[in-house]
Amino acid sequence: MTTLVVLAEPPVAGETLPELHEVLPPEDSAELYAAMLADVCELLQHGDADVLVNYPPPEEVPDGVDPEAALCEVIEPAVQSPGEVRYEAQVGTSKAARIGNAVTHLLETEGEMTAGVVEPTVPFLRREHVGSAAMKLRSSDVVIGPSTDGRITFAAFGEPIDFTGVLEPPALETMTARAVDAGHDVDFLPLLPRVETPAELATAVSLARARAAAGRLVPARTATQLSSVDLPQSLGDGGE
């Protein structure tokens, strides 16, 4: 069973998903983040992954916020087995370092066969994607999930790589190059959208509504939040 690390932050109005504040009230941005995080963690556990939530140390969150308690409040009602979700403070001075520390510790210290990281803002990740990654790890040392603008949504490893600056844009190419340089085979998951900018929000709204209209699965909590989003005309019609 793969252990997947979710690099999460406690949802705080005014601090969470700041790029969305130009089209969403800060409170709605925080609620959308919480919904996506809950949907992702539920999906990972349903996909038979062990979930490890990595959160910022207390000194990096707003005063008065207990990051672990805030994240537990979001995640525990969403997952089938809340007692099996692990929570640990992030270690490292950058996001790349924190990914590297978490993955390397799982592989080399805890003896996990495979370990990975998942962005909490990828609500359209599905169980079949997690299963596909597990299958691909049987023949490839590294599996990467691409997103738009050369970013990544997901990365799983059977062997560690040099994680120093591994998210340098375009992160997809940087991480792939590091894996290849280490002599590892690399495979990929389908491209999935992250939801962090106004344009990505418009994509998510359209995708959620289209899937719902077609009777297809949607991330329930995220779709509820997106259903009430009133996008500016320039975003809602693609600017045409």
C-alpha atoms as a PDB file:
ATOM      1  CA  MET A   1       0.000   0.000   0.000  1.00  0.00           C
ATOM      2  CA  THR A   2       1.384   3.407  -0.991  1.00  0.00           C
ATOM      3  CA  THR A   3       1.681   6.173   1.580  1.00  0.00           C
ATOM      4  CA  LEU A   4       0.615   9.483   0.041  1.00  0.00           C
ATOM      5  CA  VAL A   5       1.540  12.781   1.636  1.00  0.00           C
ATOM      6  CA  VAL A   6      -0.921  15.663   1.336  1.00  0.00           C
ATOM      7  CA  LEU A   7       0.843  18.992   1.813  1.00  0.00           C
ATOM      8  CA  ALA A   8      -2.066  20.835   3.386  1.00  0.00           C
ATOM      9  CA  GLU A   9      -2.582  24.135   5.122  1.00  0.00           C
ATOM     10  CA  PRO A  10      -5.377  25.041   7.515  1.00  0.00           C
ATOM     11  CA  PRO A  11      -8.087  26.930   5.615  1.00  0.00           C
ATOM     12  CA  VAL A  12      -8.085  30.515   6.856  1.00  0.00           C
ATOM     13  CA  ALA A  13     -10.142  33.286   5.239  1.00  0.00           C
ATOM     14  CA  GLY A  14      -7.843  35.891   3.769  1.00  0.00           C
ATOM     15  CA  GLU A  15      -4.837  33.549   3.712  1.00  0.00           C
ATOM     16  CA  THR A  16      -5.978  30.547   1.700  1.00  0.00           C
ATOM     17  CA  LEU A  17      -5.947  30.513  -2.133  1.00  0.00           C
ATOM     18  CA  PRO A  18      -5.095  34.224  -2.343  1.00  0.00           C
ATOM     19  CA  GLU A  19      -5.176  34.318  -6.156  1.00  0.00           C
ATOM     20  CA  LEU A  20      -8.885  33.513  -6.064  1.00  0.00           C
ATOM     21  CA  HIS A  21      -9.692  36.564  -3.967  1.00  0.00           C
ATOM     22  CA  GLU A  22     -10.150  38.672  -7.088  1.00  0.00           C
ATOM     23  CA  VAL A  23     -13.199  36.565  -8.034  1.00  0.00           C
ATOM     24  CA  LEU A  24     -14.259  34.956  -4.731  1.00  0.00           C
ATOM     25  CA  PRO A  25     -14.716  36.387  -1.232  1.00  0.00           C
ATOM     26  CA  PRO A  26     -11.888  35.219   1.064  1.00  0.00           C
ATOM     27  CA  GLU A  27     -14.339  33.171   3.130  1.00  0.00           C
ATOM     28  CA  ASP A  28     -15.531  31.327   0.015  1.00  0.00           C
ATOM     29  CA  SER A  29     -11.953  30.680  -1.102  1.00  0.00           C
ATOM     30  CA  ALA A  30     -11.172  29.087   2.265  1.00  0.00           C
ATOM     31  CA  GLU A  31     -14.350  26.993   2.136  1.00  0.00           C
ATOM     32  CA  LEU A  32     -13.525  25.830  -1.388  1.00  0.00           C
ATOM     33  CA  TYR A  33     -10.046  24.802  -0.267  1.00  0.00           C
ATOM     34  CA  ALA A  34     -11.500  22.873   2.668  1.00  0.00           C
ATOM     35  CA  ALA A  35     -13.943  21.102   0.338  1.00  0.00           C
ATOM     36  CA  MET A  36     -11.195  20.122  -2.109  1.00  0.00           C
ATOM     37  CA  LEU A  37      -8.937  18.916   0.699  1.00  0.00           C
ATOM     38  CA  ALA A  38     -11.726  16.784   2.169  1.00  0.00           C
ATOM     39  CA  ASP A  39     -12.596  15.293  -1.219  1.00  0.00           C
ATOM     40  CA  VAL A  40      -8.946  14.500  -1.998  1.00  0.00           C
ATOM     41  CA  CYS A  41      -8.320  12.812   1.354  1.00  0.00           C
ATOM     42  CA  GLU A  42     -11.523  10.799   1.080  1.00  0.00           C
ATOM     43  CA  LEU A  43     -10.556   9.700  -2.424  1.00  0.00           C
ATOM     44  CA  LEU A  44      -7.032   8.702  -1.421  1.00  0.00           C
ATOM     45  CA  GLN A  45      -8.271   6.554   1.429  1.00  0.00           C
ATOM     46  CA  HIS A  46     -10.886   4.941  -0.823  1.00  0.00           C
ATOM     47  CA  GLY A  47      -8.037   4.263  -3.252  1.00  0.00           C
ATOM     48  CA  ASP A  48      -6.369   2.116  -0.588  1.00  0.00           C
ATOM     49  CA  ALA A  49      -3.584   4.603   0.111  1.00  0.00           C
ATOM     50  CA  ASP A  50      -2.272   5.441   3.553  1.00  0.00           C
ATOM     51  CA  VAL A  51      -2.851   9.174   4.034  1.00  0.00           C
ATOM     52  CA  LEU A  52      -0.257  11.351   5.739  1.00  0.00           C
ATOM     53  CA  VAL A  53      -1.274  15.003   6.121  1.00  0.00           C
ATOM     54  CA  ASN A  54       1.733  17.316   6.371  1.00  0.00           C
ATOM     55  CA  TYR A  55       0.884  20.718   7.784  1.00  0.00           C
ATOM     56  CA  PRO A  56       2.883  23.923   8.306  1.00  0.00           C
ATOM     57  CA  PRO A  57       4.497  24.426  11.714  1.00  0.00           C
ATOM     58  CA  PRO A  58       2.495  26.703  14.039  1.00  0.00           C
ATOM     59  CA  GLU A  59       4.823  29.664  13.491  1.00  0.00           C
ATOM     60  CA  GLU A  60       3.868  29.719   9.808  1.00  0.00           C
ATOM     61  CA  VAL A  61       0.105  29.984  10.290  1.00  0.00           C
ATOM     62  CA  PRO A  62      -1.954  32.942  11.558  1.00  0.00           C
ATOM     63  CA  ASP A  63      -1.943  33.559  15.296  1.00  0.00           C
ATOM     64  CA  GLY A  64      -4.463  31.502  17.185  1.00  0.00           C
ATOM     65  CA  VAL A  65      -4.747  28.773  14.548  1.00  0.00           C
ATOM     66  CA  ASP A  66      -3.815  25.235  15.546  1.00  0.00           C
ATOM     67  CA  PRO A  67      -2.952  23.731  12.133  1.00  0.00           C
ATOM     68  CA  GLU A  68      -3.422  20.096  13.094  1.00  0.00           C
ATOM     69  CA  ALA A  69      -6.719  20.710  14.871  1.00  0.00           C
ATOM     70  CA  ALA A  70      -8.025  22.834  11.982  1.00  0.00           C
ATOM     71  CA  LEU A  71      -7.137  20.156   9.436  1.00  0.00           C
ATOM     72  CA  CYS A  72      -8.598  17.361  11.547  1.00  0.00           C
ATOM     73  CA  GLU A  73     -11.853  19.303  11.675  1.00  0.00           C
ATOM     74  CA  VAL A  74     -11.986  19.308   7.871  1.00  0.00           C
ATOM     75  CA  ILE A  75     -10.694  15.815   7.125  1.00  0.00           C
ATOM     76  CA  GLU A  76     -12.043  13.534   9.853  1.00  0.00           C
ATOM     77  CA  PRO A  77     -15.745  13.886   8.911  1.00  0.00           C
ATOM     78  CA  ALA A  78     -14.862  13.178   5.266  1.00  0.00           C
ATOM     79  CA  VAL A  79     -12.875   9.955   5.472  1.00  0.00           C
ATOM     80  CA  GLN A  80     -14.129   6.479   6.234  1.00  0.00           C
ATOM     81  CA  SER A  81     -11.354   5.706   8.745  1.00  0.00           C
ATOM     82  CA  PRO A  82     -10.289   8.974  10.395  1.00  0.00           C
ATOM     83  CA  GLY A  83      -8.137   7.157  12.938  1.00  0.00           C
ATOM     84  CA  GLU A  84      -5.905   5.888  10.133  1.00  0.00           C
ATOM     85  CA  VAL A  85      -4.997   9.363   8.857  1.00  0.00           C
ATOM     86  CA  ARG A  86      -1.600  10.526  10.119  1.00  0.00           C
ATOM     87  CA  TYR A  87      -0.791  14.176  10.821  1.00  0.00           C
ATOM     88  CA  GLU A  88       2.771  15.484  10.964  1.00  0.00           C
ATOM     89  CA  ALA A  89       4.357  18.920  10.824  1.00  0.00           C
ATOM     90  CA  GLN A  90       6.286  19.727   7.667  1.00  0.00           C
ATOM     91  CA  VAL A  91      10.072  19.797   7.848  1.00  0.00           C
ATOM     92  CA  GLY A  92      12.086  21.968   5.473  1.00  0.00           C
ATOM     93  CA  THR A  93      12.612  25.560   4.403  1.00  0.00           C
ATOM     94  CA  SER A  94      10.859  25.255   1.028  1.00  0.00           C
ATOM     95  CA  LYS A  95       8.047  23.223  -0.466  1.00  0.00           C
ATOM     96  CA  ALA A  96      10.539  21.166  -2.477  1.00  0.00           C
ATOM     97  CA  ALA A  97      12.534  20.423   0.665  1.00  0.00           C
ATOM     98  CA  ARG A  98       9.388  19.424   2.529  1.00  0.00           C
ATOM     99  CA  ILE A  99       8.394  17.033  -0.237  1.00  0.00           C
ATOM    100  CA  GLY A 100      11.871  15.572  -0.297  1.00  0.00           C
ATOM    101  CA  ASN A 101      12.079  15.180   3.462  1.00  0.00           C
ATOM    102  CA  ALA A 102       8.682  13.483   3.674  1.00  0.00           C
ATOM    103  CA  VAL A 103       9.209  11.083   0.775  1.00  0.00           C
ATOM    104  CA  THR A 104      12.798  10.203   1.671  1.00  0.00           C
ATOM    105  CA  HIS A 105      11.876   9.585   5.307  1.00  0.00           C
ATOM    106  CA  LEU A 106       9.061   7.237   4.286  1.00  0.00           C
ATOM    107  CA  LEU A 107      11.236   5.296   1.850  1.00  0.00           C
ATOM    108  CA  GLU A 108      14.497   5.135   3.749  1.00  0.00           C
ATOM    109  CA  THR A 109      13.556   5.391   7.434  1.00  0.00           C
ATOM    110  CA  GLU A 110      10.089   3.882   7.638  1.00  0.00           C
ATOM    111  CA  GLY A 111      10.825   1.247   5.015  1.00  0.00           C
ATOM    112  CA  GLU A 112       7.859   2.027   2.764  1.00  0.00           C
ATOM    113  CA  MET A 113       8.106   0.398  -0.669  1.00  0.00           C
ATOM    114  CA  THR A 114       6.531   3.415  -2.361  1.00  0.00           C
ATOM    115  CA  ALA A 115       5.589   6.929  -1.257  1.00  0.00           C
ATOM    116  CA  GLY A 116       4.228  10.015  -2.917  1.00  0.00           C
ATOM    117  CA  VAL A 117       2.809  13.497  -2.616  1.00  0.00           C
ATOM    118  CA  VAL A 118      -0.559  14.868  -3.689  1.00  0.00           C
ATOM    119  CA  GLU A 119      -1.701  18.466  -4.019  1.00  0.00           C
ATOM    120  CA  PRO A 120      -4.877  19.203  -2.036  1.00  0.00           C
ATOM    121  CA  THR A 121      -6.229  21.406  -4.849  1.00  0.00           C
ATOM    122  CA  VAL A 122      -6.824  18.588  -7.356  1.00  0.00           C
ATOM    123  CA  PRO A 123     -10.457  17.663  -6.675  1.00  0.00           C
ATOM    124  CA  PHE A 124     -10.908  15.739  -9.940  1.00  0.00           C
ATOM    125  CA  LEU A 125      -8.347  13.125  -8.946  1.00  0.00           C
ATOM    126  CA  ARG A 126     -10.147   9.805  -9.071  1.00  0.00           C
ATOM    127  CA  ARG A 127      -9.669   6.399  -7.471  1.00  0.00           C
ATOM    128  CA  GLU A 128      -8.595   4.948 -10.815  1.00  0.00           C
ATOM    129  CA  HIS A 129      -5.750   7.475 -10.966  1.00  0.00           C
ATOM    130  CA  VAL A 130      -4.441   6.289  -7.602  1.00  0.00           C
ATOM    131  CA  GLY A 131      -4.780   2.669  -8.680  1.00  0.00           C
ATOM    132  CA  SER A 132      -3.059   3.397 -11.976  1.00  0.00           C
ATOM    133  CA  ALA A 133      -0.145   5.022 -10.165  1.00  0.00           C
ATOM    134  CA  ALA A 134       0.243   1.952  -7.958  1.00  0.00           C
ATOM    135  CA  MET A 135       0.290  -0.284 -11.040  1.00  0.00           C
ATOM    136  CA  LYS A 136       2.796   1.935 -12.841  1.00  0.00           C
ATOM    137  CA  LEU A 137       5.114   1.891  -9.816  1.00  0.00           C
ATOM    138  CA  ARG A 138       5.566  -1.844 -10.374  1.00  0.00           C
ATOM    139  CA  SER A 139       7.558  -1.109 -13.528  1.00  0.00           C
ATOM    140  CA  SER A 140       8.640   2.534 -13.084  1.00  0.00           C
ATOM    141  CA  ASP A 141      10.467   4.117 -10.178  1.00  0.00           C
ATOM    142  CA  VAL A 142       8.683   7.465 -10.507  1.00  0.00           C
ATOM    143  CA  VAL A 143       5.110   8.321 -11.533  1.00  0.00           C
ATOM    144  CA  ILE A 144       4.121  11.953 -12.062  1.00  0.00           C
ATOM    145  CA  GLY A 145       0.713  13.535 -12.530  1.00  0.00           C
ATOM    146  CA  PRO A 146       0.946  16.643 -14.726  1.00  0.00           C
ATOM    147  CA  SER A 147      -1.192  19.748 -14.508  1.00  0.00           C
ATOM    148  CA  THR A 148      -1.441  22.938 -16.536  1.00  0.00           C
ATOM    149  CA  ASP A 149       1.448  25.412 -16.840  1.00  0.00           C
ATOM    150  CA  GLY A 150       4.002  22.657 -16.331  1.00  0.00           C
ATOM    151  CA  ARG A 151       2.995  22.026 -12.726  1.00  0.00           C
ATOM    152  CA  ILE A 152       2.318  18.690 -11.064  1.00  0.00           C
ATOM    153  CA  THR A 153      -0.640  17.285  -9.169  1.00  0.00           C
ATOM    154  CA  PHE A 154       0.835  14.027  -7.954  1.00  0.00           C
ATOM    155  CA  ALA A 155       4.225  12.343  -7.709  1.00  0.00           C
ATOM    156  CA  ALA A 156       5.002   8.859  -6.389  1.00  0.00           C
ATOM    157  CA  PHE A 157       8.354   7.219  -5.925  1.00  0.00           C
ATOM    158  CA  GLY A 158       9.805   3.770  -5.432  1.00  0.00           C
ATOM    159  CA  GLU A 159      13.275   5.298  -5.131  1.00  0.00           C
ATOM    160  CA  PRO A 160      14.280   8.778  -3.923  1.00  0.00           C
ATOM    161  CA  ILE A 161      15.680  11.467  -6.200  1.00  0.00           C
ATOM    162  CA  ASP A 162      17.491  14.751  -5.625  1.00  0.00           C
ATOM    163  CA  PHE A 163      14.620  16.944  -4.451  1.00  0.00           C
ATOM    164  CA  THR A 164      16.654  20.168  -4.228  1.00  0.00           C
ATOM    165  CA  GLY A 165      14.720  22.787  -6.214  1.00  0.00           C
ATOM    166  CA  VAL A 166      12.635  20.014  -7.753  1.00  0.00           C
ATOM    167  CA  LEU A 167       9.627  22.329  -8.187  1.00  0.00           C
ATOM    168  CA  GLU A 168      11.533  24.913 -10.224  1.00  0.00           C
ATOM    169  CA  PRO A 169       9.219  25.822 -13.128  1.00  0.00           C
ATOM    170  CA  PRO A 170       8.249  23.947 -15.127  1.00  0.00           C
ATOM    171  CA  ALA A 171       8.095  21.479 -12.241  1.00  0.00           C
ATOM    172  CA  LEU A 172       6.944  18.660 -14.522  1.00  0.00           C
ATOM    173  CA  GLU A 173      10.135  18.855 -16.575  1.00  0.00           C
ATOM    174  CA  THR A 174      12.381  19.503 -13.574  1.00  0.00           C
ATOM    175  CA  MET A 175      11.103  16.502 -11.622  1.00  0.00           C
ATOM    176  CA  THR A 176      11.275  14.271 -14.687  1.00  0.00           C
ATOM    177  CA  ALA A 177      14.852  15.345 -15.376  1.00  0.00           C
ATOM    178  CA  ARG A 178      15.879  14.636 -11.778  1.00  0.00           C
ATOM    179  CA  ALA A 179      14.375  11.166 -11.966  1.00  0.00           C
ATOM    180  CA  VAL A 180      16.039  10.401 -15.297  1.00  0.00           C
ATOM    181  CA  ASP A 181      19.373  11.726 -14.011  1.00  0.00           C
ATOM    182  CA  ALA A 182      19.068   9.282 -11.099  1.00  0.00           C
ATOM    183  CA  GLY A 183      18.631   6.440 -13.576  1.00  0.00           C
ATOM    184  CA  HIS A 184      14.927   5.932 -12.910  1.00  0.00           C
ATOM    185  CA  ASP A 185      12.149   5.057 -15.340  1.00  0.00           C
ATOM    186  CA  VAL A 186       9.340   7.623 -15.320  1.00  0.00           C
ATOM    187  CA  ASP A 187       5.661   7.202 -16.160  1.00  0.00           C
ATOM    188  CA  PHE A 188       2.774   9.657 -16.077  1.00  0.00           C
ATOM    189  CA  LEU A 189      -0.856   9.982 -15.056  1.00  0.00           C
ATOM    190  CA  PRO A 190      -3.430  11.925 -17.102  1.00  0.00           C
ATOM    191  CA  LEU A 191      -3.297  15.703 -16.897  1.00  0.00           C
ATOM    192  CA  LEU A 192      -5.657  17.076 -14.251  1.00  0.00           C
ATOM    193  CA  PRO A 193      -6.494  20.673 -13.333  1.00  0.00           C
ATOM    194  CA  ARG A 194      -5.474  22.290 -10.097  1.00  0.00           C
ATOM    195  CA  VAL A 195      -7.859  24.937  -8.743  1.00  0.00           C
ATOM    196  CA  GLU A 196      -5.820  27.877  -7.509  1.00  0.00           C
ATOM    197  CA  THR A 197      -6.344  30.740  -9.986  1.00  0.00           C
ATOM    198  CA  PRO A 198      -9.423  32.431 -11.492  1.00  0.00           C
ATOM    199  CA  ALA A 199      -8.913  30.697 -14.846  1.00  0.00           C
ATOM    200  CA  GLU A 200      -8.574  27.322 -13.120  1.00  0.00           C
ATOM    201  CA  LEU A 201     -11.687  28.048 -11.102  1.00  0.00           C
ATOM    202  CA  ALA A 202     -13.607  28.651 -14.332  1.00  0.00           C
ATOM    203  CA  THR A 203     -12.359  25.317 -15.672  1.00  0.00           C
ATOM    204  CA  ALA A 204     -13.409  23.531 -12.489  1.00  0.00           C
ATOM    205  CA  VAL A 205     -16.879  25.099 -12.480  1.00  0.00           C
ATOM    206  CA  SER A 206     -17.492  24.077 -16.095  1.00  0.00           C
ATOM    207  CA  LEU A 207     -16.114  20.578 -15.594  1.00  0.00           C
ATOM    208  CA  ALA A 208     -18.143  19.956 -12.442  1.00  0.00           C
ATOM    209  CA  ARG A 209     -21.361  21.181 -14.041  1.00  0.00           C
ATOM    210  CA  ALA A 210     -20.786  19.177 -17.227  1.00  0.00           C
ATOM    211  CA  ARG A 211     -20.011  15.972 -15.335  1.00  0.00           C
ATOM    212  CA  ALA A 212     -23.054  16.423 -13.116  1.00  0.00           C
ATOM    213  CA  ALA A 213     -25.295  17.044 -16.131  1.00  0.00           C
ATOM    214  CA  ALA A 214     -23.971  13.871 -17.760  1.00  0.00           C
ATOM    215  CA  GLY A 215     -24.565  11.835 -14.613  1.00  0.00           C
ATOM    216  CA  ARG A 216     -20.842  11.283 -14.015  1.00  0.00           C
ATOM    217  CA  LEU A 217     -19.018  11.284 -10.707  1.00  0.00           C
ATOM    218  CA  VAL A 218     -18.091  14.628  -9.251  1.00  0.00           C
ATOM    219  CA  PRO A 219     -16.180  15.474  -6.065  1.00  0.00           C
ATOM    220  CA  ALA A 220     -19.202  16.031  -3.851  1.00  0.00           C
ATOM    221  CA  ARG A 221     -18.028  18.756  -1.476  1.00  0.00           C
ATOM    222  CA  THR A 222     -16.141  20.643  -4.138  1.00  0.00           C
ATOM    223  CA  ALA A 223     -19.078  20.483  -6.544  1.00  0.00           C
ATOM    224  CA  THR A 224     -21.358  21.907  -3.850  1.00  0.00           C
ATOM    225  CA  GLN A 225     -19.014  24.850  -3.382  1.00  0.00           C
ATOM    226  CA  LEU A 226     -18.608  25.362  -7.128  1.00  0.00           C
ATOM    227  CA  SER A 227     -22.365  25.275  -7.729  1.00  0.00           C
ATOM    228  CA  SER A 228     -22.756  28.645  -6.045  1.00  0.00           C
ATOM    229  CA  VAL A 229     -19.817  30.344  -7.784  1.00  0.00           C
ATOM    230  CA  ASP A 230     -20.882  33.326  -9.892  1.00  0.00           C
ATOM    231  CA  LEU A 231     -17.973  33.877 -12.256  1.00  0.00           C
ATOM    232  CA  PRO A 232     -17.281  37.210 -13.972  1.00  0.00           C
ATOM    233  CA  GLN A 233     -18.505  37.164 -17.575  1.00  0.00           C
ATOM    234  CA  SER A 234     -14.945  37.362 -18.913  1.00  0.00           C
ATOM    235  CA  LEU A 235     -14.121  34.073 -17.152  1.00  0.00           C
ATOM    236  CA  GLY A 236     -17.418  32.297 -17.549  1.00  0.00           C
ATOM    237  CA  ASP A 237     -17.469  32.588 -21.349  1.00  0.00           C
ATOM    238  CA  GLY A 238     -13.709  32.240 -21.874  1.00  0.00           C
ATOM    239  CA  GLY A 239     -13.462  35.899 -22.786  1.00  0.00           C
ATOM    240  CA  GLU A 240     -15.220  35.437 -26.164  1.00  0.00           C
END
